Amino acid sequence: MGLGGKHLFGSIEEQRVTFVEKKIEEVRKDFLKKLLEHNGFEVVIQEEKRKTEEEPQLYTVAVTDMVFNPTLWVFNRRLKTFDGHKVTPDYWNQISEETAPQYWKS
Protein backbone atom coordinates (compact mmCIF):
# COMPACT_ATOMS: atom_id res chain seq x y z
CA MET A 1 0.00 0.00 0.00
CA GLY A 2 2.74 2.48 0.93
CA LEU A 3 2.27 6.21 1.24
CA GLY A 4 -0.71 6.92 -0.98
CA GLY A 5 -2.14 10.10 0.46
CA LYS A 6 -5.64 8.82 1.07
CA HIS A 7 -6.99 8.50 4.59
CA LEU A 8 -8.30 4.93 4.66
CA PHE A 9 -10.41 3.91 7.61
CA GLY A 10 -12.81 1.16 8.56
CA SER A 11 -13.22 -1.55 11.19
CA ILE A 12 -11.30 -4.53 12.45
CA GLU A 13 -13.40 -6.75 14.74
CA GLU A 14 -15.78 -3.99 15.89
CA GLN A 15 -12.86 -1.57 16.43
CA ARG A 16 -12.83 1.62 14.32
CA VAL A 17 -9.36 2.06 12.83
CA THR A 18 -7.27 3.97 10.34
CA PHE A 19 -5.55 1.55 7.99
CA VAL A 20 -1.82 2.02 7.70
CA GLU A 21 -1.00 -0.74 5.20
CA LYS A 22 -2.84 -3.78 3.91
CA LYS A 23 -1.64 -7.14 2.56
CA ILE A 24 1.92 -6.87 3.83
CA GLU A 25 4.37 -9.56 4.87
CA GLU A 26 5.37 -10.34 8.45
CA VAL A 27 8.68 -8.46 8.39
CA ARG A 28 6.95 -5.26 7.24
CA LYS A 29 4.17 -5.77 9.81
CA ASP A 30 6.70 -6.11 12.64
CA PHE A 31 8.58 -2.98 11.53
CA LEU A 32 5.42 -0.85 11.32
CA LYS A 33 4.05 -2.18 14.60
CA LYS A 34 7.23 -1.35 16.51
CA LEU A 35 7.59 2.07 14.86
CA LEU A 36 3.98 3.10 15.46
CA GLU A 37 3.94 1.86 19.06
CA HIS A 38 7.20 3.74 19.66
CA ASN A 39 5.33 6.88 18.52
CA GLY A 40 2.46 6.28 20.93
CA PHE A 41 -0.15 4.68 18.68
CA GLU A 42 -2.29 1.70 19.59
CA VAL A 43 -1.73 -0.77 16.76
CA VAL A 44 -4.28 -3.35 15.57
CA ILE A 45 -3.11 -6.27 13.41
CA GLN A 46 -5.37 -8.48 11.33
CA GLU A 47 -4.32 -11.60 9.45
CA GLU A 48 -5.55 -11.69 5.87
CA LYS A 49 -7.42 -14.79 4.80
CA ARG A 50 -5.47 -17.19 2.63
CA LYS A 51 -7.00 -19.25 -0.15
CA THR A 52 -4.53 -22.08 0.39
CA GLU A 53 -2.04 -23.06 3.07
CA GLU A 54 0.82 -22.66 0.57
CA GLU A 55 0.23 -18.91 0.18
CA PRO A 56 2.26 -16.65 2.47
CA GLN A 57 0.43 -15.11 5.41
CA LEU A 58 -0.29 -11.43 4.84
CA TYR A 59 -1.40 -8.83 7.37
CA THR A 60 -3.27 -5.56 7.72
CA VAL A 61 -1.80 -2.95 10.07
CA ALA A 62 -4.04 -0.25 11.50
CA VAL A 63 -4.12 2.23 14.38
CA THR A 64 -7.01 3.26 16.61
CA ASP A 65 -6.30 6.97 16.09
CA MET A 66 -8.93 7.98 13.53
CA VAL A 67 -7.14 11.18 12.48
CA PHE A 68 -3.79 9.47 11.76
CA ASN A 69 -2.81 9.67 8.09
CA PRO A 70 0.54 7.94 7.45
CA THR A 71 1.37 10.13 4.46
CA LEU A 72 0.84 13.37 6.36
CA TRP A 73 2.70 12.18 9.44
CA VAL A 74 5.73 11.03 7.40
CA PHE A 75 5.97 14.05 5.09
CA ASN A 76 5.32 16.48 7.96
CA ARG A 77 8.10 14.62 9.81
CA ARG A 78 5.99 14.01 12.91
CA LEU A 79 7.11 10.41 13.49
CA LYS A 80 10.34 9.61 15.33
CA THR A 81 12.74 6.74 14.71
CA PHE A 82 13.93 4.54 17.56
CA ASP A 83 17.01 6.73 18.02
CA GLY A 84 15.04 9.99 18.05
CA HIS A 85 15.47 11.18 14.46
CA LYS A 86 12.57 12.07 12.20
CA VAL A 87 11.11 9.40 9.94
CA THR A 88 11.67 10.04 6.23
CA PRO A 89 9.74 8.44 3.35
CA ASP A 90 12.72 6.16 2.61
CA TYR A 91 12.92 5.12 6.25
CA TRP A 92 9.15 4.44 6.32
CA ASN A 93 9.40 2.32 3.15
CA GLN A 94 12.47 0.52 4.54
CA ILE A 95 14.62 1.64 1.60
CA SER A 96 17.21 3.41 3.74
CA GLU A 97 18.01 3.91 7.41
CA GLU A 98 19.27 7.42 6.64
CA THR A 99 17.17 10.05 8.39
CA ALA A 100 18.66 13.19 6.84
CA PRO A 101 17.33 13.12 3.27
CA GLN A 102 19.08 15.27 0.73
CA TYR A 103 17.02 15.97 -2.37
CA TRP A 104 20.14 16.15 -4.56
CA LYS A 105 20.89 12.47 -3.86
CA SER A 106 17.75 11.34 -5.69
PDB file of N, CA and C in Angstrom:
ATOM      1  N   MET A   1       0.834  -1.180   0.000  1.00  0.00           N
ATOM      2  CA  MET A   1       0.000   0.000   0.000  1.00  0.00           C
ATOM      3  C   MET A   1       0.880   1.245   0.000  1.00  0.00           C
ATOM      4  N   GLY A   2       1.832   1.353   0.916  1.00  0.00           N
ATOM      5  CA  GLY A   2       2.744   2.482   0.930  1.00  0.00           C
ATOM      6  C   GLY A   2       2.078   3.804   1.262  1.00  0.00           C
ATOM      7  N   LEU A   3       2.777   4.869   0.950  1.00  0.00           N
ATOM      8  CA  LEU A   3       2.269   6.212   1.235  1.00  0.00           C
ATOM      9  C   LEU A   3       1.463   6.695   0.044  1.00  0.00           C
ATOM     10  N   GLY A   4       0.151   6.577   0.144  1.00  0.00           N
ATOM     11  CA  GLY A   4      -0.709   6.915  -0.979  1.00  0.00           C
ATOM     12  C   GLY A   4      -1.410   8.248  -0.869  1.00  0.00           C
ATOM     13  N   GLY A   5      -1.486   8.802   0.305  1.00  0.00           N
ATOM     14  CA  GLY A   5      -2.138  10.096   0.463  1.00  0.00           C
ATOM     15  C   GLY A   5      -3.563  10.022   0.944  1.00  0.00           C
ATOM     16  N   LYS A   6      -4.251   8.934   0.648  1.00  0.00           N
ATOM     17  CA  LYS A   6      -5.645   8.816   1.070  1.00  0.00           C
ATOM     18  C   LYS A   6      -5.730   8.382   2.528  1.00  0.00           C
ATOM     19  N   HIS A   7      -6.725   8.885   3.201  1.00  0.00           N
ATOM     20  CA  HIS A   7      -6.989   8.502   4.594  1.00  0.00           C
ATOM     21  C   HIS A   7      -7.971   7.341   4.557  1.00  0.00           C
ATOM     22  N   LEU A   8      -7.474   6.131   4.742  1.00  0.00           N
ATOM     23  CA  LEU A   8      -8.304   4.933   4.665  1.00  0.00           C
ATOM     24  C   LEU A   8      -8.680   4.478   6.066  1.00  0.00           C
ATOM     25  N   PHE A   9      -9.960   4.341   6.295  1.00  0.00           N
ATOM     26  CA  PHE A   9     -10.415   3.912   7.612  1.00  0.00           C
ATOM     27  C   PHE A   9     -11.530   2.904   7.466  1.00  0.00           C
ATOM     28  N   GLY A  10     -11.789   2.190   8.547  1.00  0.00           N
ATOM     29  CA  GLY A  10     -12.811   1.161   8.561  1.00  0.00           C
ATOM     30  C   GLY A  10     -12.841   0.494   9.912  1.00  0.00           C
ATOM     31  N   SER A  11     -13.122  -0.813   9.928  1.00  0.00           N
ATOM     32  CA  SER A  11     -13.225  -1.546  11.189  1.00  0.00           C
ATOM     33  C   SER A  11     -12.442  -2.849  11.117  1.00  0.00           C
ATOM     34  N   ILE A  12     -11.887  -3.207  12.256  1.00  0.00           N
ATOM     35  CA  ILE A  12     -11.303  -4.535  12.449  1.00  0.00           C
ATOM     36  C   ILE A  12     -11.920  -5.069  13.732  1.00  0.00           C
ATOM     37  N   GLU A  13     -12.736  -6.118  13.594  1.00  0.00           N
ATOM     38  CA  GLU A  13     -13.397  -6.752  14.737  1.00  0.00           C
ATOM     39  C   GLU A  13     -14.073  -5.731  15.654  1.00  0.00           C
ATOM     40  N   GLU A  14     -14.984  -4.962  15.128  1.00  0.00           N
ATOM     41  CA  GLU A  14     -15.779  -3.991  15.889  1.00  0.00           C
ATOM     42  C   GLU A  14     -14.979  -2.772  16.357  1.00  0.00           C
ATOM     43  N   GLN A  15     -13.714  -2.690  16.026  1.00  0.00           N
ATOM     44  CA  GLN A  15     -12.860  -1.568  16.430  1.00  0.00           C
ATOM     45  C   GLN A  15     -12.680  -0.642  15.236  1.00  0.00           C
ATOM     46  N   ARG A  16     -13.045   0.637  15.380  1.00  0.00           N
ATOM     47  CA  ARG A  16     -12.835   1.617  14.319  1.00  0.00           C
ATOM     48  C   ARG A  16     -11.343   1.913  14.225  1.00  0.00           C
ATOM     49  N   VAL A  17     -10.792   1.878  13.010  1.00  0.00           N
ATOM     50  CA  VAL A  17      -9.359   2.055  12.827  1.00  0.00           C
ATOM     51  C   VAL A  17      -9.059   2.877  11.575  1.00  0.00           C
ATOM     52  N   THR A  18      -7.850   3.402  11.555  1.00  0.00           N
ATOM     53  CA  THR A  18      -7.270   3.971  10.343  1.00  0.00           C
ATOM     54  C   THR A  18      -6.284   2.944   9.824  1.00  0.00           C
ATOM     55  N   PHE A  19      -6.455   2.541   8.569  1.00  0.00           N
ATOM     56  CA  PHE A  19      -5.554   1.553   7.988  1.00  0.00           C
ATOM     57  C   PHE A  19      -4.227   2.218   7.637  1.00  0.00           C
ATOM     58  N   VAL A  20      -3.157   1.541   8.017  1.00  0.00           N
ATOM     59  CA  VAL A  20      -1.817   2.024   7.701  1.00  0.00           C
ATOM     60  C   VAL A  20      -1.339   1.345   6.427  1.00  0.00           C
ATOM     61  N   GLU A  21      -1.327   0.024   6.400  1.00  0.00           N
ATOM     62  CA  GLU A  21      -1.003  -0.743   5.202  1.00  0.00           C
ATOM     63  C   GLU A  21      -1.755  -2.061   5.233  1.00  0.00           C
ATOM     64  N   LYS A  22      -2.122  -2.522   4.044  1.00  0.00           N
ATOM     65  CA  LYS A  22      -2.845  -3.781   3.908  1.00  0.00           C
ATOM     66  C   LYS A  22      -2.023  -4.752   3.071  1.00  0.00           C
ATOM     67  N   LYS A  23      -2.259  -6.042   3.307  1.00  0.00           N
ATOM     68  CA  LYS A  23      -1.642  -7.137   2.557  1.00  0.00           C
ATOM     69  C   LYS A  23      -0.119  -7.020   2.522  1.00  0.00           C
ATOM     70  N   ILE A  24       0.465  -6.960   3.713  1.00  0.00           N
ATOM     71  CA  ILE A  24       1.919  -6.867   3.833  1.00  0.00           C
ATOM     72  C   ILE A  24       2.461  -8.127   4.507  1.00  0.00           C
ATOM     73  N   GLU A  25       3.737  -8.374   4.295  1.00  0.00           N
ATOM     74  CA  GLU A  25       4.370  -9.559   4.870  1.00  0.00           C
ATOM     75  C   GLU A  25       4.738  -9.317   6.332  1.00  0.00           C
ATOM     76  N   GLU A  26       5.123 -10.385   7.008  1.00  0.00           N
ATOM     77  CA  GLU A  26       5.368 -10.336   8.447  1.00  0.00           C
ATOM     78  C   GLU A  26       6.499  -9.386   8.841  1.00  0.00           C
ATOM     79  N   VAL A  27       7.557  -9.345   8.062  1.00  0.00           N
ATOM     80  CA  VAL A  27       8.684  -8.459   8.385  1.00  0.00           C
ATOM     81  C   VAL A  27       8.234  -7.003   8.368  1.00  0.00           C
ATOM     82  N   ARG A  28       7.467  -6.630   7.357  1.00  0.00           N
ATOM     83  CA  ARG A  28       6.953  -5.261   7.244  1.00  0.00           C
ATOM     84  C   ARG A  28       5.983  -4.964   8.388  1.00  0.00           C
ATOM     85  N   LYS A  29       5.134  -5.929   8.704  1.00  0.00           N
ATOM     86  CA  LYS A  29       4.175  -5.770   9.806  1.00  0.00           C
ATOM     87  C   LYS A  29       4.901  -5.509  11.117  1.00  0.00           C
ATOM     88  N   ASP A  30       5.940  -6.278  11.392  1.00  0.00           N
ATOM     89  CA  ASP A  30       6.696  -6.109  12.635  1.00  0.00           C
ATOM     90  C   ASP A  30       7.369  -4.738  12.702  1.00  0.00           C
ATOM     91  N   PHE A  31       7.939  -4.292  11.580  1.00  0.00           N
ATOM     92  CA  PHE A  31       8.582  -2.980  11.528  1.00  0.00           C
ATOM     93  C   PHE A  31       7.574  -1.875  11.822  1.00  0.00           C
ATOM     94  N   LEU A  32       6.428  -1.894  11.126  1.00  0.00           N
ATOM     95  CA  LEU A  32       5.418  -0.846  11.323  1.00  0.00           C
ATOM     96  C   LEU A  32       4.854  -0.880  12.738  1.00  0.00           C
ATOM     97  N   LYS A  33       4.603  -2.064  13.257  1.00  0.00           N
ATOM     98  CA  LYS A  33       4.046  -2.180  14.604  1.00  0.00           C
ATOM     99  C   LYS A  33       4.986  -1.561  15.628  1.00  0.00           C
ATOM    100  N   LYS A  34       6.272  -1.902  15.560  1.00  0.00           N
ATOM    101  CA  LYS A  34       7.233  -1.350  16.510  1.00  0.00           C
ATOM    102  C   LYS A  34       7.371   0.160  16.353  1.00  0.00           C
ATOM    103  N   LEU A  35       7.431   0.641  15.110  1.00  0.00           N
ATOM    104  CA  LEU A  35       7.593   2.071  14.860  1.00  0.00           C
ATOM    105  C   LEU A  35       6.387   2.863  15.350  1.00  0.00           C
ATOM    106  N   LEU A  36       5.194   2.385  15.058  1.00  0.00           N
ATOM    107  CA  LEU A  36       3.983   3.100  15.462  1.00  0.00           C
ATOM    108  C   LEU A  36       3.788   3.065  16.971  1.00  0.00           C
ATOM    109  N   GLU A  37       4.046   1.933  17.602  1.00  0.00           N
ATOM    110  CA  GLU A  37       3.938   1.862  19.062  1.00  0.00           C
ATOM    111  C   GLU A  37       4.978   2.753  19.726  1.00  0.00           C
ATOM    112  N   HIS A  38       6.158   2.840  19.148  1.00  0.00           N
ATOM    113  CA  HIS A  38       7.197   3.736  19.658  1.00  0.00           C
ATOM    114  C   HIS A  38       6.719   5.196  19.622  1.00  0.00           C
ATOM    115  N   ASN A  39       5.859   5.527  18.653  1.00  0.00           N
ATOM    116  CA  ASN A  39       5.334   6.881  18.516  1.00  0.00           C
ATOM    117  C   ASN A  39       4.000   7.076  19.241  1.00  0.00           C
ATOM    118  N   GLY A  40       3.611   6.121  20.061  1.00  0.00           N
ATOM    119  CA  GLY A  40       2.458   6.281  20.928  1.00  0.00           C
ATOM    120  C   GLY A  40       1.121   5.855  20.356  1.00  0.00           C
ATOM    121  N   PHE A  41       1.114   5.132  19.265  1.00  0.00           N
ATOM    122  CA  PHE A  41      -0.147   4.680  18.676  1.00  0.00           C
ATOM    123  C   PHE A  41      -0.504   3.284  19.158  1.00  0.00           C
ATOM    124  N   GLU A  42      -1.797   3.047  19.301  1.00  0.00           N
ATOM    125  CA  GLU A  42      -2.285   1.699  19.590  1.00  0.00           C
ATOM    126  C   GLU A  42      -2.472   1.000  18.249  1.00  0.00           C
ATOM    127  N   VAL A  43      -1.750  -0.079  18.045  1.00  0.00           N
ATOM    128  CA  VAL A  43      -1.730  -0.774  16.761  1.00  0.00           C
ATOM    129  C   VAL A  43      -2.645  -1.989  16.809  1.00  0.00           C
ATOM    130  N   VAL A  44      -3.401  -2.181  15.725  1.00  0.00           N
ATOM    131  CA  VAL A  44      -4.275  -3.345  15.573  1.00  0.00           C
ATOM    132  C   VAL A  44      -3.798  -4.109  14.342  1.00  0.00           C
ATOM    133  N   ILE A  45      -3.587  -5.412  14.506  1.00  0.00           N
ATOM    134  CA  ILE A  45      -3.113  -6.274  13.413  1.00  0.00           C
ATOM    135  C   ILE A  45      -4.204  -7.280  13.075  1.00  0.00           C
ATOM    136  N   GLN A  46      -4.409  -7.471  11.776  1.00  0.00           N
ATOM    137  CA  GLN A  46      -5.368  -8.484  11.328  1.00  0.00           C
ATOM    138  C   GLN A  46      -4.693  -9.360  10.283  1.00  0.00           C
ATOM    139  N   GLU A  47      -4.839 -10.674  10.447  1.00  0.00           N
ATOM    140  CA  GLU A  47      -4.319 -11.602   9.446  1.00  0.00           C
ATOM    141  C   GLU A  47      -5.287 -11.640   8.273  1.00  0.00           C
ATOM    142  N   GLU A  48      -4.733 -11.563   7.070  1.00  0.00           N
ATOM    143  CA  GLU A  48      -5.550 -11.688   5.866  1.00  0.00           C
ATOM    144  C   GLU A  48      -5.892 -13.160   5.659  1.00  0.00           C
ATOM    145  N   LYS A  49      -7.028 -13.410   5.084  1.00  0.00           N
ATOM    146  CA  LYS A  49      -7.422 -14.793   4.803  1.00  0.00           C
ATOM    147  C   LYS A  49      -6.649 -15.308   3.599  1.00  0.00           C
ATOM    148  N   ARG A  50      -6.195 -16.555   3.720  1.00  0.00           N
ATOM    149  CA  ARG A  50      -5.466 -17.195   2.634  1.00  0.00           C
ATOM    150  C   ARG A  50      -6.381 -18.175   1.926  1.00  0.00           C
ATOM    151  N   LYS A  51      -6.203 -18.290   0.610  1.00  0.00           N
ATOM    152  CA  LYS A  51      -6.997 -19.245  -0.151  1.00  0.00           C
ATOM    153  C   LYS A  51      -6.480 -20.661   0.044  1.00  0.00           C
ATOM    154  N   THR A  52      -5.139 -20.780   0.153  1.00  0.00           N
ATOM    155  CA  THR A  52      -4.532 -22.085   0.386  1.00  0.00           C
ATOM    156  C   THR A  52      -3.455 -21.940   1.458  1.00  0.00           C
ATOM    157  N   GLU A  53      -3.075 -23.058   2.039  1.00  0.00           N
ATOM    158  CA  GLU A  53      -2.041 -23.058   3.068  1.00  0.00           C
ATOM    159  C   GLU A  53      -0.662 -22.727   2.500  1.00  0.00           C
ATOM    160  N   GLU A  54      -0.473 -22.921   1.192  1.00  0.00           N
ATOM    161  CA  GLU A  54       0.821 -22.659   0.566  1.00  0.00           C
ATOM    162  C   GLU A  54       1.087 -21.168   0.400  1.00  0.00           C
ATOM    163  N   GLU A  55       0.059 -20.354   0.346  1.00  0.00           N
ATOM    164  CA  GLU A  55       0.233 -18.907   0.179  1.00  0.00           C
ATOM    165  C   GLU A  55       0.852 -18.315   1.438  1.00  0.00           C
ATOM    166  N   PRO A  56       1.687 -17.289   1.279  1.00  0.00           N
ATOM    167  CA  PRO A  56       2.265 -16.655   2.466  1.00  0.00           C
ATOM    168  C   PRO A  56       1.188 -15.902   3.258  1.00  0.00           C
ATOM    169  N   GLN A  57       1.375 -15.843   4.559  1.00  0.00           N
ATOM    170  CA  GLN A  57       0.432 -15.115   5.414  1.00  0.00           C
ATOM    171  C   GLN A  57       0.689 -13.616   5.254  1.00  0.00           C
ATOM    172  N   LEU A  58      -0.372 -12.880   4.960  1.00  0.00           N
ATOM    173  CA  LEU A  58      -0.291 -11.432   4.837  1.00  0.00           C
ATOM    174  C   LEU A  58      -1.092 -10.783   5.956  1.00  0.00           C
ATOM    175  N   TYR A  59      -0.794  -9.517   6.225  1.00  0.00           N
ATOM    176  CA  TYR A  59      -1.397  -8.829   7.365  1.00  0.00           C
ATOM    177  C   TYR A  59      -1.892  -7.436   6.982  1.00  0.00           C
ATOM    178  N   THR A  60      -2.824  -6.940   7.777  1.00  0.00           N
ATOM    179  CA  THR A  60      -3.266  -5.557   7.716  1.00  0.00           C
ATOM    180  C   THR A  60      -2.846  -4.893   9.017  1.00  0.00           C
ATOM    181  N   VAL A  61      -2.226  -3.725   8.901  1.00  0.00           N
ATOM    182  CA  VAL A  61      -1.804  -2.954  10.070  1.00  0.00           C
ATOM    183  C   VAL A  61      -2.660  -1.701  10.126  1.00  0.00           C
ATOM    184  N   ALA A  62      -3.190  -1.423  11.308  1.00  0.00           N
ATOM    185  CA  ALA A  62      -4.036  -0.254  11.501  1.00  0.00           C
ATOM    186  C   ALA A  62      -3.764   0.344  12.874  1.00  0.00           C
ATOM    187  N   VAL A  63      -4.221   1.577  13.073  1.00  0.00           N
ATOM    188  CA  VAL A  63      -4.117   2.227  14.382  1.00  0.00           C
ATOM    189  C   VAL A  63      -5.507   2.694  14.793  1.00  0.00           C
ATOM    190  N   THR A  64      -5.695   2.854  16.102  1.00  0.00           N
ATOM    191  CA  THR A  64      -7.005   3.255  16.611  1.00  0.00           C
ATOM    192  C   THR A  64      -7.222   4.763  16.542  1.00  0.00           C
ATOM    193  N   ASP A  65      -6.193   5.521  16.225  1.00  0.00           N
ATOM    194  CA  ASP A  65      -6.304   6.975  16.088  1.00  0.00           C
ATOM    195  C   ASP A  65      -6.956   7.278  14.737  1.00  0.00           C
ATOM    196  N   MET A  66      -8.173   7.776  14.764  1.00  0.00           N
ATOM    197  CA  MET A  66      -8.929   7.984  13.534  1.00  0.00           C
ATOM    198  C   MET A  66      -8.440   9.164  12.703  1.00  0.00           C
ATOM    199  N   VAL A  67      -7.636  10.043  13.257  1.00  0.00           N
ATOM    200  CA  VAL A  67      -7.136  11.179  12.476  1.00  0.00           C
ATOM    201  C   VAL A  67      -5.728  10.935  11.932  1.00  0.00           C
ATOM    202  N   PHE A  68      -5.140   9.791  12.248  1.00  0.00           N
ATOM    203  CA  PHE A  68      -3.794   9.474  11.758  1.00  0.00           C
ATOM    204  C   PHE A  68      -3.832   9.203  10.267  1.00  0.00           C
ATOM    205  N   ASN A  69      -2.997   9.909   9.522  1.00  0.00           N
ATOM    206  CA  ASN A  69      -2.813   9.669   8.095  1.00  0.00           C
ATOM    207  C   ASN A  69      -1.319   9.448   7.895  1.00  0.00           C
ATOM    208  N   PRO A  70      -0.886   8.231   7.547  1.00  0.00           N
ATOM    209  CA  PRO A  70       0.541   7.935   7.451  1.00  0.00           C
ATOM    210  C   PRO A  70       1.293   8.897   6.530  1.00  0.00           C
ATOM    211  N   THR A  71       0.700   9.249   5.407  1.00  0.00           N
ATOM    212  CA  THR A  71       1.367  10.133   4.459  1.00  0.00           C
ATOM    213  C   THR A  71       1.647  11.495   5.082  1.00  0.00           C
ATOM    214  N   LEU A  72       0.655  12.065   5.735  1.00  0.00           N
ATOM    215  CA  LEU A  72       0.843  13.374   6.358  1.00  0.00           C
ATOM    216  C   LEU A  72       1.862  13.310   7.488  1.00  0.00           C
ATOM    217  N   TRP A  73       1.788  12.288   8.302  1.00  0.00           N
ATOM    218  CA  TRP A  73       2.705  12.180   9.435  1.00  0.00           C
ATOM    219  C   TRP A  73       4.148  11.986   8.968  1.00  0.00           C
ATOM    220  N   VAL A  74       4.363  11.245   7.895  1.00  0.00           N
ATOM    221  CA  VAL A  74       5.730  11.034   7.402  1.00  0.00           C
ATOM    222  C   VAL A  74       6.250  12.297   6.728  1.00  0.00           C
ATOM    223  N   PHE A  75       5.479  12.883   5.820  1.00  0.00           N
ATOM    224  CA  PHE A  75       5.967  14.055   5.095  1.00  0.00           C
ATOM    225  C   PHE A  75       6.018  15.308   5.965  1.00  0.00           C
ATOM    226  N   ASN A  76       5.216  15.377   7.005  1.00  0.00           N
ATOM    227  CA  ASN A  76       5.320  16.477   7.963  1.00  0.00           C
ATOM    228  C   ASN A  76       6.377  16.200   9.024  1.00  0.00           C
ATOM    229  N   ARG A  77       7.005  15.030   8.925  1.00  0.00           N
ATOM    230  CA  ARG A  77       8.102  14.619   9.814  1.00  0.00           C
ATOM    231  C   ARG A  77       7.693  14.628  11.278  1.00  0.00           C
ATOM    232  N   ARG A  78       6.529  14.070  11.550  1.00  0.00           N
ATOM    233  CA  ARG A  78       5.989  14.014  12.913  1.00  0.00           C
ATOM    234  C   ARG A  78       6.291  12.697  13.621  1.00  0.00           C
ATOM    235  N   LEU A  79       6.756  11.688  12.888  1.00  0.00           N
ATOM    236  CA  LEU A  79       7.107  10.406  13.494  1.00  0.00           C
ATOM    237  C   LEU A  79       8.593  10.385  13.815  1.00  0.00           C
ATOM    238  N   LYS A  80       8.942   9.716  14.900  1.00  0.00           N
ATOM    239  CA  LYS A  80      10.338   9.607  15.332  1.00  0.00           C
ATOM    240  C   LYS A  80      10.830   8.177  15.153  1.00  0.00           C
ATOM    241  N   THR A  81      12.110   8.060  14.788  1.00  0.00           N
ATOM    242  CA  THR A  81      12.744   6.745  14.712  1.00  0.00           C
ATOM    243  C   THR A  81      13.078   6.289  16.122  1.00  0.00           C
ATOM    244  N   PHE A  82      13.616   5.097  16.246  1.00  0.00           N
ATOM    245  CA  PHE A  82      13.932   4.540  17.558  1.00  0.00           C
ATOM    246  C   PHE A  82      15.081   5.281  18.236  1.00  0.00           C
ATOM    247  N   ASP A  83      15.911   5.962  17.433  1.00  0.00           N
ATOM    248  CA  ASP A  83      17.009   6.726  18.018  1.00  0.00           C
ATOM    249  C   ASP A  83      16.723   8.221  18.072  1.00  0.00           C
ATOM    250  N   GLY A  84      15.454   8.610  17.861  1.00  0.00           N
ATOM    251  CA  GLY A  84      15.045   9.995  18.054  1.00  0.00           C
ATOM    252  C   GLY A  84      15.067  10.887  16.833  1.00  0.00           C
ATOM    253  N   HIS A  85      15.488  10.381  15.683  1.00  0.00           N
ATOM    254  CA  HIS A  85      15.472  11.181  14.464  1.00  0.00           C
ATOM    255  C   HIS A  85      14.074  11.174  13.851  1.00  0.00           C
ATOM    256  N   LYS A  86      13.868  12.008  12.863  1.00  0.00           N
ATOM    257  CA  LYS A  86      12.566  12.072  12.200  1.00  0.00           C
ATOM    258  C   LYS A  86      12.494  11.038  11.085  1.00  0.00           C
ATOM    259  N   VAL A  87      11.323  10.420  10.957  1.00  0.00           N
ATOM    260  CA  VAL A  87      11.105   9.399   9.939  1.00  0.00           C
ATOM    261  C   VAL A  87      10.976  10.066   8.572  1.00  0.00           C
ATOM    262  N   THR A  88      11.733   9.563   7.612  1.00  0.00           N
ATOM    263  CA  THR A  88      11.666  10.037   6.235  1.00  0.00           C
ATOM    264  C   THR A  88      10.870   9.027   5.406  1.00  0.00           C
ATOM    265  N   PRO A  89      10.440   9.411   4.201  1.00  0.00           N
ATOM    266  CA  PRO A  89       9.739   8.435   3.352  1.00  0.00           C
ATOM    267  C   PRO A  89      10.572   7.184   3.073  1.00  0.00           C
ATOM    268  N   ASP A  90      11.875   7.337   2.844  1.00  0.00           N
ATOM    269  CA  ASP A  90      12.721   6.156   2.605  1.00  0.00           C
ATOM    270  C   ASP A  90      12.831   5.278   3.843  1.00  0.00           C
ATOM    271  N   TYR A  91      12.876   5.892   5.012  1.00  0.00           N
ATOM    272  CA  TYR A  91      12.916   5.118   6.252  1.00  0.00           C
ATOM    273  C   TYR A  91      11.593   4.369   6.421  1.00  0.00           C
ATOM    274  N   TRP A  92      10.477   5.044   6.200  1.00  0.00           N
ATOM    275  CA  TRP A  92       9.148   4.439   6.316  1.00  0.00           C
ATOM    276  C   TRP A  92       9.023   3.243   5.383  1.00  0.00           C
ATOM    277  N   ASN A  93       9.508   3.389   4.148  1.00  0.00           N
ATOM    278  CA  ASN A  93       9.401   2.322   3.151  1.00  0.00           C
ATOM    279  C   ASN A  93      10.523   1.299   3.261  1.00  0.00           C
ATOM    280  N   GLN A  94      11.367   1.423   4.263  1.00  0.00           N
ATOM    281  CA  GLN A  94      12.470   0.517   4.536  1.00  0.00           C
ATOM    282  C   GLN A  94      13.445   0.422   3.360  1.00  0.00           C
ATOM    283  N   ILE A  95      13.645   1.558   2.692  1.00  0.00           N
ATOM    284  CA  ILE A  95      14.615   1.643   1.604  1.00  0.00           C
ATOM    285  C   ILE A  95      15.981   2.017   2.165  1.00  0.00           C
ATOM    286  N   SER A  96      15.967   2.915   3.164  1.00  0.00           N
ATOM    287  CA  SER A  96      17.206   3.414   3.738  1.00  0.00           C
ATOM    288  C   SER A  96      17.002   3.682   5.221  1.00  0.00           C
ATOM    289  N   GLU A  97      18.065   3.569   5.987  1.00  0.00           N
ATOM    290  CA  GLU A  97      18.010   3.912   7.408  1.00  0.00           C
ATOM    291  C   GLU A  97      18.449   5.352   7.630  1.00  0.00           C
ATOM    292  N   GLU A  98      18.820   6.031   6.543  1.00  0.00           N
ATOM    293  CA  GLU A  98      19.270   7.416   6.643  1.00  0.00           C
ATOM    294  C   GLU A  98      18.078   8.313   6.982  1.00  0.00           C
ATOM    295  N   THR A  99      18.278   9.199   7.946  1.00  0.00           N
ATOM    296  CA  THR A  99      17.169  10.048   8.389  1.00  0.00           C
ATOM    297  C   THR A  99      17.385  11.513   8.049  1.00  0.00           C
ATOM    298  N   ALA A 100      18.419  11.812   7.278  1.00  0.00           N
ATOM    299  CA  ALA A 100      18.662  13.185   6.840  1.00  0.00           C
ATOM    300  C   ALA A 100      18.612  13.201   5.320  1.00  0.00           C
ATOM    301  N   PRO A 101      17.423  13.229   4.733  1.00  0.00           N
ATOM    302  CA  PRO A 101      17.331  13.123   3.267  1.00  0.00           C
ATOM    303  C   PRO A 101      17.884  14.374   2.584  1.00  0.00           C
ATOM    304  N   GLN A 102      18.577  14.164   1.529  1.00  0.00           N
ATOM    305  CA  GLN A 102      19.081  15.270   0.727  1.00  0.00           C
ATOM    306  C   GLN A 102      18.473  15.116  -0.671  1.00  0.00           C
ATOM    307  N   TYR A 103      17.737  16.104  -1.103  1.00  0.00           N
ATOM    308  CA  TYR A 103      17.022  15.967  -2.368  1.00  0.00           C
ATOM    309  C   TYR A 103      17.975  15.774  -3.553  1.00  0.00           C
ATOM    310  N   TRP A 104      19.204  16.261  -3.442  1.00  0.00           N
ATOM    311  CA  TRP A 104      20.135  16.151  -4.563  1.00  0.00           C
ATOM    312  C   TRP A 104      20.697  14.747  -4.711  1.00  0.00           C
ATOM    313  N   LYS A 105      20.433  13.851  -3.739  1.00  0.00           N
ATOM    314  CA  LYS A 105      20.893  12.466  -3.856  1.00  0.00           C
ATOM    315  C   LYS A 105      19.935  11.618  -4.673  1.00  0.00           C
ATOM    316  N   SER A 106      18.748  12.124  -4.961  1.00  0.00           N
ATOM    317  CA  SER A 106      17.753  11.344  -5.691  1.00  0.00           C
ATOM    318  C   SER A 106      18.111  11.193  -7.156  1.00  0.00           C
TER     319      SER A 106
END
